[in-house]
PDB file of N, CA and C in Angstrom:
ATOM      1  N   MET A   1      -8.818  11.237  -9.716  1.00  0.00           N
ATOM      2  CA  MET A   1      -7.711  12.079 -10.156  1.00  0.00           C
ATOM      3  C   MET A   1      -6.666  12.163  -9.045  1.00  0.00           C
ATOM      4  N   LEU A   2      -5.426  11.889  -9.376  1.00  0.00           N
ATOM      5  CA  LEU A   2      -4.355  11.930  -8.392  1.00  0.00           C
ATOM      6  C   LEU A   2      -3.973  13.377  -8.100  1.00  0.00           C
ATOM      7  N   ARG A   3      -3.810  13.678  -6.841  1.00  0.00           N
ATOM      8  CA  ARG A   3      -3.478  15.044  -6.434  1.00  0.00           C
ATOM      9  C   ARG A   3      -1.963  15.234  -6.457  1.00  0.00           C
ATOM     10  N   ASP A   4      -1.547  16.485  -6.643  1.00  0.00           N
ATOM     11  CA  ASP A   4      -0.122  16.798  -6.668  1.00  0.00           C
ATOM     12  C   ASP A   4       0.501  16.824  -5.281  1.00  0.00           C
ATOM     13  N   ASN A   5      -0.313  16.905  -4.219  1.00  0.00           N
ATOM     14  CA  ASN A   5       0.233  17.014  -2.871  1.00  0.00           C
ATOM     15  C   ASN A   5       0.628  15.657  -2.285  1.00  0.00           C
ATOM     16  N   GLY A   6       0.409  14.570  -3.023  1.00  0.00           N
ATOM     17  CA  GLY A   6       0.818  13.250  -2.563  1.00  0.00           C
ATOM     18  C   GLY A   6      -0.177  12.572  -1.643  1.00  0.00           C
ATOM     19  N   ILE A   7      -1.326  13.198  -1.394  1.00  0.00           N
ATOM     20  CA  ILE A   7      -2.350  12.599  -0.545  1.00  0.00           C
ATOM     21  C   ILE A   7      -3.434  12.022  -1.440  1.00  0.00           C
ATOM     22  N   LEU A   8      -3.770  10.746  -1.202  1.00  0.00           N
ATOM     23  CA  LEU A   8      -4.748  10.067  -2.037  1.00  0.00           C
ATOM     24  C   LEU A   8      -5.887   9.508  -1.197  1.00  0.00           C
ATOM     25  N   THR A   9      -7.077   9.518  -1.769  1.00  0.00           N
ATOM     26  CA  THR A   9      -8.228   8.880  -1.133  1.00  0.00           C
ATOM     27  C   THR A   9      -8.069   7.367  -1.253  1.00  0.00           C
ATOM     28  N   ARG A  10      -8.974   6.620  -0.621  1.00  0.00           N
ATOM     29  CA  ARG A  10      -8.930   5.156  -0.709  1.00  0.00           C
ATOM     30  C   ARG A  10      -9.008   4.703  -2.156  1.00  0.00           C
ATOM     31  N   LYS A  11      -9.941   5.259  -2.892  1.00  0.00           N
ATOM     32  CA  LYS A  11     -10.122   4.854  -4.283  1.00  0.00           C
ATOM     33  C   LYS A  11      -8.908   5.214  -5.130  1.00  0.00           C
ATOM     34  N   GLU A  12      -8.385   6.421  -4.950  1.00  0.00           N
ATOM     35  CA  GLU A  12      -7.204   6.845  -5.700  1.00  0.00           C
ATOM     36  C   GLU A  12      -6.001   5.958  -5.375  1.00  0.00           C
ATOM     37  N   ALA A  13      -5.836   5.623  -4.096  1.00  0.00           N
ATOM     38  CA  ALA A  13      -4.718   4.772  -3.689  1.00  0.00           C
ATOM     39  C   ALA A  13      -4.843   3.384  -4.299  1.00  0.00           C
ATOM     40  N   ALA A  14      -6.056   2.849  -4.329  1.00  0.00           N
ATOM     41  CA  ALA A  14      -6.279   1.531  -4.925  1.00  0.00           C
ATOM     42  C   ALA A  14      -5.958   1.554  -6.416  1.00  0.00           C
ATOM     43  N   VAL A  15      -6.383   2.599  -7.102  1.00  0.00           N
ATOM     44  CA  VAL A  15      -6.082   2.735  -8.532  1.00  0.00           C
ATOM     45  C   VAL A  15      -4.574   2.852  -8.726  1.00  0.00           C
ATOM     46  N   TYR A  16      -3.921   3.641  -7.894  1.00  0.00           N
ATOM     47  CA  TYR A  16      -2.472   3.842  -7.979  1.00  0.00           C
ATOM     48  C   TYR A  16      -1.721   2.510  -7.838  1.00  0.00           C
ATOM     49  N   LEU A  17      -2.169   1.666  -6.903  1.00  0.00           N
ATOM     50  CA  LEU A  17      -1.522   0.371  -6.677  1.00  0.00           C
ATOM     51  C   LEU A  17      -2.057  -0.730  -7.598  1.00  0.00           C
ATOM     52  N   ARG A  18      -3.132  -0.419  -8.322  1.00  0.00           N
ATOM     53  CA  ARG A  18      -3.794  -1.385  -9.211  1.00  0.00           C
ATOM     54  C   ARG A  18      -4.324  -2.593  -8.443  1.00  0.00           C
ATOM     55  N   ILE A  19      -4.977  -2.284  -7.325  1.00  0.00           N
ATOM     56  CA  ILE A  19      -5.627  -3.301  -6.505  1.00  0.00           C
ATOM     57  C   ILE A  19      -7.035  -2.807  -6.178  1.00  0.00           C
ATOM     58  N   SER A  20      -7.849  -3.667  -5.610  1.00  0.00           N
ATOM     59  CA  SER A  20      -9.194  -3.255  -5.234  1.00  0.00           C
ATOM     60  C   SER A  20      -9.148  -2.447  -3.933  1.00  0.00           C
ATOM     61  N   VAL A  21     -10.188  -1.675  -3.705  1.00  0.00           N
ATOM     62  CA  VAL A  21     -10.300  -0.914  -2.462  1.00  0.00           C
ATOM     63  C   VAL A  21     -10.360  -1.886  -1.281  1.00  0.00           C
ATOM     64  N   ARG A  22     -11.024  -2.998  -1.467  1.00  0.00           N
ATOM     65  CA  ARG A  22     -11.122  -4.011  -0.408  1.00  0.00           C
ATOM     66  C   ARG A  22      -9.741  -4.555  -0.026  1.00  0.00           C
ATOM     67  N   THR A  23      -8.905  -4.837  -1.025  1.00  0.00           N
ATOM     68  CA  THR A  23      -7.549  -5.314  -0.755  1.00  0.00           C
ATOM     69  C   THR A  23      -6.739  -4.238  -0.054  1.00  0.00           C
ATOM     70  N   LEU A  24      -6.889  -2.995  -0.485  1.00  0.00           N
ATOM     71  CA  LEU A  24      -6.202  -1.876   0.160  1.00  0.00           C
ATOM     72  C   LEU A  24      -6.612  -1.771   1.622  1.00  0.00           C
ATOM     73  N   ASP A  25      -7.910  -1.880   1.892  1.00  0.00           N
ATOM     74  CA  ASP A  25      -8.399  -1.822   3.271  1.00  0.00           C
ATOM     75  C   ASP A  25      -7.784  -2.933   4.118  1.00  0.00           C
ATOM     76  N   LYS A  26      -7.665  -4.122   3.547  1.00  0.00           N
ATOM     77  CA  LYS A  26      -7.072  -5.261   4.271  1.00  0.00           C
ATOM     78  C   LYS A  26      -5.608  -4.991   4.569  1.00  0.00           C
ATOM     79  N   LEU A  27      -4.867  -4.484   3.596  1.00  0.00           N
ATOM     80  CA  LEU A  27      -3.451  -4.167   3.801  1.00  0.00           C
ATOM     81  C   LEU A  27      -3.287  -3.102   4.888  1.00  0.00           C
ATOM     82  N   ALA A  28      -4.165  -2.111   4.879  1.00  0.00           N
ATOM     83  CA  ALA A  28      -4.105  -1.053   5.899  1.00  0.00           C
ATOM     84  C   ALA A  28      -4.453  -1.622   7.268  1.00  0.00           C
ATOM     85  N   GLN A  29      -5.474  -2.453   7.333  1.00  0.00           N
ATOM     86  CA  GLN A  29      -5.890  -3.063   8.595  1.00  0.00           C
ATOM     87  C   GLN A  29      -4.782  -3.949   9.167  1.00  0.00           C
ATOM     88  N   ASP A  30      -4.055  -4.639   8.296  1.00  0.00           N
ATOM     89  CA  ASP A  30      -2.964  -5.521   8.721  1.00  0.00           C
ATOM     90  C   ASP A  30      -1.676  -4.757   9.036  1.00  0.00           C
ATOM     91  N   GLY A  31      -1.684  -3.443   8.841  1.00  0.00           N
ATOM     92  CA  GLY A  31      -0.513  -2.633   9.155  1.00  0.00           C
ATOM     93  C   GLY A  31       0.541  -2.621   8.061  1.00  0.00           C
ATOM     94  N   GLU A  32       0.204  -3.122   6.885  1.00  0.00           N
ATOM     95  CA  GLU A  32       1.158  -3.156   5.773  1.00  0.00           C
ATOM     96  C   GLU A  32       1.344  -1.777   5.143  1.00  0.00           C
ATOM     97  N   ILE A  33       0.270  -0.994   5.141  1.00  0.00           N
ATOM     98  CA  ILE A  33       0.309   0.345   4.551  1.00  0.00           C
ATOM     99  C   ILE A  33      -0.248   1.338   5.563  1.00  0.00           C
ATOM    100  N   PRO A  34       0.539   2.356   5.936  1.00  0.00           N
ATOM    101  CA  PRO A  34       0.036   3.368   6.878  1.00  0.00           C
ATOM    102  C   PRO A  34      -1.038   4.247   6.228  1.00  0.00           C
ATOM    103  N   TYR A  35      -1.934   4.734   7.047  1.00  0.00           N
ATOM    104  CA  TYR A  35      -2.995   5.628   6.572  1.00  0.00           C
ATOM    105  C   TYR A  35      -3.317   6.644   7.648  1.00  0.00           C
ATOM    106  N   SER A  36      -4.066   7.670   7.263  1.00  0.00           N
ATOM    107  CA  SER A  36      -4.515   8.689   8.207  1.00  0.00           C
ATOM    108  C   SER A  36      -6.020   8.805   8.105  1.00  0.00           C
ATOM    109  N   LYS A  37      -6.648   9.107   9.241  1.00  0.00           N
ATOM    110  CA  LYS A  37      -8.089   9.351   9.256  1.00  0.00           C
ATOM    111  C   LYS A  37      -8.302  10.837   9.498  1.00  0.00           C
ATOM    112  N   LEU A  38      -9.103  11.434   8.644  1.00  0.00           N
ATOM    113  CA  LEU A  38      -9.432  12.846   8.785  1.00  0.00           C
ATOM    114  C   LEU A  38     -10.844  12.954   9.326  1.00  0.00           C
ATOM    115  N   GLY A  39     -10.969  13.497  10.509  1.00  0.00           N
ATOM    116  CA  GLY A  39     -12.266  13.626  11.137  1.00  0.00           C
ATOM    117  C   GLY A  39     -12.497  12.526  12.154  1.00  0.00           C
ATOM    118  N   LYS A  40     -13.676  12.554  12.749  1.00  0.00           N
ATOM    119  CA  LYS A  40     -14.026  11.577  13.774  1.00  0.00           C
ATOM    120  C   LYS A  40     -15.269  10.822  13.357  1.00  0.00           C
ATOM    121  N   GLY A  41     -15.444   9.670  13.954  1.00  0.00           N
ATOM    122  CA  GLY A  41     -16.666   8.918  13.747  1.00  0.00           C
ATOM    123  C   GLY A  41     -16.673   8.079  12.487  1.00  0.00           C
ATOM    124  N   LEU A  42     -17.862   7.588  12.155  1.00  0.00           N
ATOM    125  CA  LEU A  42     -18.015   6.678  11.025  1.00  0.00           C
ATOM    126  C   LEU A  42     -17.792   7.348   9.676  1.00  0.00           C
ATOM    127  N   ARG A  43     -18.001   8.637   9.616  1.00  0.00           N
ATOM    128  CA  ARG A  43     -17.879   9.340   8.340  1.00  0.00           C
ATOM    129  C   ARG A  43     -16.512   9.973   8.138  1.00  0.00           C
ATOM    130  N   SER A  44     -15.546   9.596   8.952  1.00  0.00           N
ATOM    131  CA  SER A  44     -14.202  10.148   8.784  1.00  0.00           C
ATOM    132  C   SER A  44     -13.616   9.640   7.467  1.00  0.00           C
ATOM    133  N   ARG A  45     -12.735  10.399   6.920  1.00  0.00           N
ATOM    134  CA  ARG A  45     -12.145  10.075   5.615  1.00  0.00           C
ATOM    135  C   ARG A  45     -10.759   9.473   5.815  1.00  0.00           C
ATOM    136  N   VAL A  46     -10.502   8.356   5.145  1.00  0.00           N
ATOM    137  CA  VAL A  46      -9.202   7.697   5.193  1.00  0.00           C
ATOM    138  C   VAL A  46      -8.400   8.152   3.986  1.00  0.00           C
ATOM    139  N   VAL A  47      -7.158   8.567   4.226  1.00  0.00           N
ATOM    140  CA  VAL A  47      -6.271   9.001   3.138  1.00  0.00           C
ATOM    141  C   VAL A  47      -4.917   8.324   3.276  1.00  0.00           C
ATOM    142  N   TYR A  48      -4.219   8.269   2.168  1.00  0.00           N
ATOM    143  CA  TYR A  48      -2.900   7.641   2.097  1.00  0.00           C
ATOM    144  C   TYR A  48      -1.909   8.617   1.493  1.00  0.00           C
ATOM    145  N   GLN A  49      -0.644   8.479   1.894  1.00  0.00           N
ATOM    146  CA  GLN A  49       0.402   9.288   1.294  1.00  0.00           C
ATOM    147  C   GLN A  49       1.089   8.459   0.223  1.00  0.00           C
ATOM    148  N   ARG A  50       1.315   9.079  -0.917  1.00  0.00           N
ATOM    149  CA  ARG A  50       1.912   8.380  -2.046  1.00  0.00           C
ATOM    150  C   ARG A  50       3.258   7.758  -1.676  1.00  0.00           C
ATOM    151  N   ARG A  51       4.050   8.439  -0.861  1.00  0.00           N
ATOM    152  CA  ARG A  51       5.366   7.890  -0.493  1.00  0.00           C
ATOM    153  C   ARG A  51       5.219   6.592   0.299  1.00  0.00           C
ATOM    154  N   ASP A  52       4.138   6.465   1.107  1.00  0.00           N
ATOM    155  CA  ASP A  52       3.897   5.223   1.839  1.00  0.00           C
ATOM    156  C   ASP A  52       3.505   4.096   0.885  1.00  0.00           C
ATOM    157  N   LEU A  53       2.734   4.437  -0.138  1.00  0.00           N
ATOM    158  CA  LEU A  53       2.354   3.435  -1.136  1.00  0.00           C
ATOM    159  C   LEU A  53       3.580   2.972  -1.925  1.00  0.00           C
ATOM    160  N   ASP A  54       4.442   3.928  -2.282  1.00  0.00           N
ATOM    161  CA  ASP A  54       5.668   3.579  -3.003  1.00  0.00           C
ATOM    162  C   ASP A  54       6.580   2.707  -2.142  1.00  0.00           C
ATOM    163  N   ALA A  55       6.658   3.011  -0.851  1.00  0.00           N
ATOM    164  CA  ALA A  55       7.477   2.207   0.062  1.00  0.00           C
ATOM    165  C   ALA A  55       6.926   0.791   0.172  1.00  0.00           C
ATOM    166  N   TYR A  56       5.607   0.642   0.200  1.00  0.00           N
ATOM    167  CA  TYR A  56       4.998  -0.685   0.239  1.00  0.00           C
ATOM    168  C   TYR A  56       5.356  -1.485  -1.018  1.00  0.00           C
ATOM    169  N   VAL A  57       5.269  -0.835  -2.167  1.00  0.00           N
ATOM    170  CA  VAL A  57       5.614  -1.509  -3.425  1.00  0.00           C
ATOM    171  C   VAL A  57       7.072  -1.950  -3.397  1.00  0.00           C
ATOM    172  N   GLU A  58       7.941  -1.088  -2.928  1.00  0.00           N
ATOM    173  CA  GLU A  58       9.376  -1.423  -2.866  1.00  0.00           C
ATOM    174  C   GLU A  58       9.624  -2.594  -1.920  1.00  0.00           C
ATOM    175  N   ARG A  59       8.953  -2.612  -0.772  1.00  0.00           N
ATOM    176  CA  ARG A  59       9.109  -3.729   0.174  1.00  0.00           C
ATOM    177  C   ARG A  59       8.570  -5.033  -0.398  1.00  0.00           C
ATOM    178  N   SER A  60       7.589  -4.919  -1.280  1.00  0.00           N
ATOM    179  CA  SER A  60       6.937  -6.100  -1.830  1.00  0.00           C
ATOM    180  C   SER A  60       7.672  -6.693  -3.028  1.00  0.00           C
ATOM    181  N   ARG A  61       8.650  -5.975  -3.534  1.00  0.00           N
ATOM    182  CA  ARG A  61       9.382  -6.469  -4.700  1.00  0.00           C
ATOM    183  C   ARG A  61      10.118  -7.754  -4.359  1.00  0.00           C
ATOM    184  N   VAL A  62      10.152  -8.640  -5.316  1.00  0.00           N
ATOM    185  CA  VAL A  62      10.829  -9.921  -5.134  1.00  0.00           C
ATOM    186  C   VAL A  62      12.145  -9.855  -5.887  1.00  0.00           C
ATOM    187  N   ASP A  63      13.216 -10.079  -5.170  1.00  0.00           N
ATOM    188  CA  ASP A  63      14.534 -10.147  -5.795  1.00  0.00           C
ATOM    189  C   ASP A  63      14.734 -11.589  -6.249  1.00  0.00           C
ATOM    190  N   SER A  64      14.558 -11.841  -7.545  1.00  0.00           N
ATOM    191  CA  SER A  64      14.572 -13.211  -8.057  1.00  0.00           C
ATOM    192  C   SER A  64      15.902 -13.910  -7.825  1.00  0.00           C
ATOM    193  N   LYS A  65      17.002 -13.184  -7.869  1.00  0.00           N
ATOM    194  CA  LYS A  65      18.313 -13.809  -7.621  1.00  0.00           C
ATOM    195  C   LYS A  65      18.420 -14.263  -6.167  1.00  0.00           C
ATOM    196  N   ARG A  66      17.939 -13.443  -5.254  1.00  0.00           N
ATOM    197  CA  ARG A  66      17.997 -13.794  -3.834  1.00  0.00           C
ATOM    198  C   ARG A  66      17.098 -14.991  -3.548  1.00  0.00           C
ATOM    199  N   VAL A  67      15.929 -15.027  -4.157  1.00  0.00           N
ATOM    200  CA  VAL A  67      15.010 -16.154  -3.970  1.00  0.00           C
ATOM    201  C   VAL A  67      15.636 -17.431  -4.520  1.00  0.00           C
ATOM    202  N   ALA A  68      16.241 -17.342  -5.693  1.00  0.00           N
ATOM    203  CA  ALA A  68      16.883 -18.525  -6.292  1.00  0.00           C
ATOM    204  C   ALA A  68      18.023 -19.032  -5.416  1.00  0.00           C
ATOM    205  N   ARG A  69      18.803 -18.125  -4.838  1.00  0.00           N
ATOM    206  CA  ARG A  69      19.893 -18.502  -3.937  1.00  0.00           C
ATOM    207  C   ARG A  69      19.363 -19.263  -2.731  1.00  0.00           C
ATOM    208  N   LYS A  70      18.264 -18.755  -2.144  1.00  0.00           N
ATOM    209  CA  LYS A  70      17.678 -19.411  -0.970  1.00  0.00           C
ATOM    210  C   LYS A  70      17.173 -20.794  -1.324  1.00  0.00           C
ATOM    211  N   ILE A  71      16.593 -20.948  -2.496  1.00  0.00           N
ATOM    212  CA  ILE A  71      16.091 -22.253  -2.923  1.00  0.00           C
ATOM    213  C   ILE A  71      17.271 -23.221  -3.086  1.00  0.00           C
ATOM    214  N   LEU A  72      18.334 -22.758  -3.697  1.00  0.00           N
ATOM    215  CA  LEU A  72      19.511 -23.628  -3.886  1.00  0.00           C
ATOM    216  C   LEU A  72      20.154 -24.005  -2.560  1.00  0.00           C
ATOM    217  N   GLU A  73      20.199 -23.055  -1.624  1.00  0.00           N
ATOM    218  CA  GLU A  73      20.785 -23.332  -0.318  1.00  0.00           C
ATOM    219  C   GLU A  73      19.945 -24.333   0.470  1.00  0.00           C
ATOM    220  N   ALA A  74      18.638 -24.292   0.284  1.00  0.00           N
ATOM    221  CA  ALA A  74      17.749 -25.188   1.025  1.00  0.00           C
ATOM    222  C   ALA A  74      17.798 -26.623   0.512  1.00  0.00           C
ATOM    223  N   SER A  75      18.215 -26.802  -0.733  1.00  0.00           N
ATOM    224  CA  SER A  75      18.215 -28.175  -1.276  1.00  0.00           C
ATOM    225  C   SER A  75      19.545 -28.871  -1.150  1.00  0.00           C
TER     226      SER A  75
END
């Protein structure tokens, strides 16, 4: 269940982005999506902010006109 405060667990964030938790973990590890750890040690909880997930989606969007222009310029 998505919370109204904009903070999501790993599973909630993965559902929100429609990706697997494993893919989300990889994106976070690679620095593509910021996250926070609550607590210390192995049992600490990783959470994501919805605005960071939305920003990732926006950065990942492909502008088809811009891509087509680059392809035409390269040929």
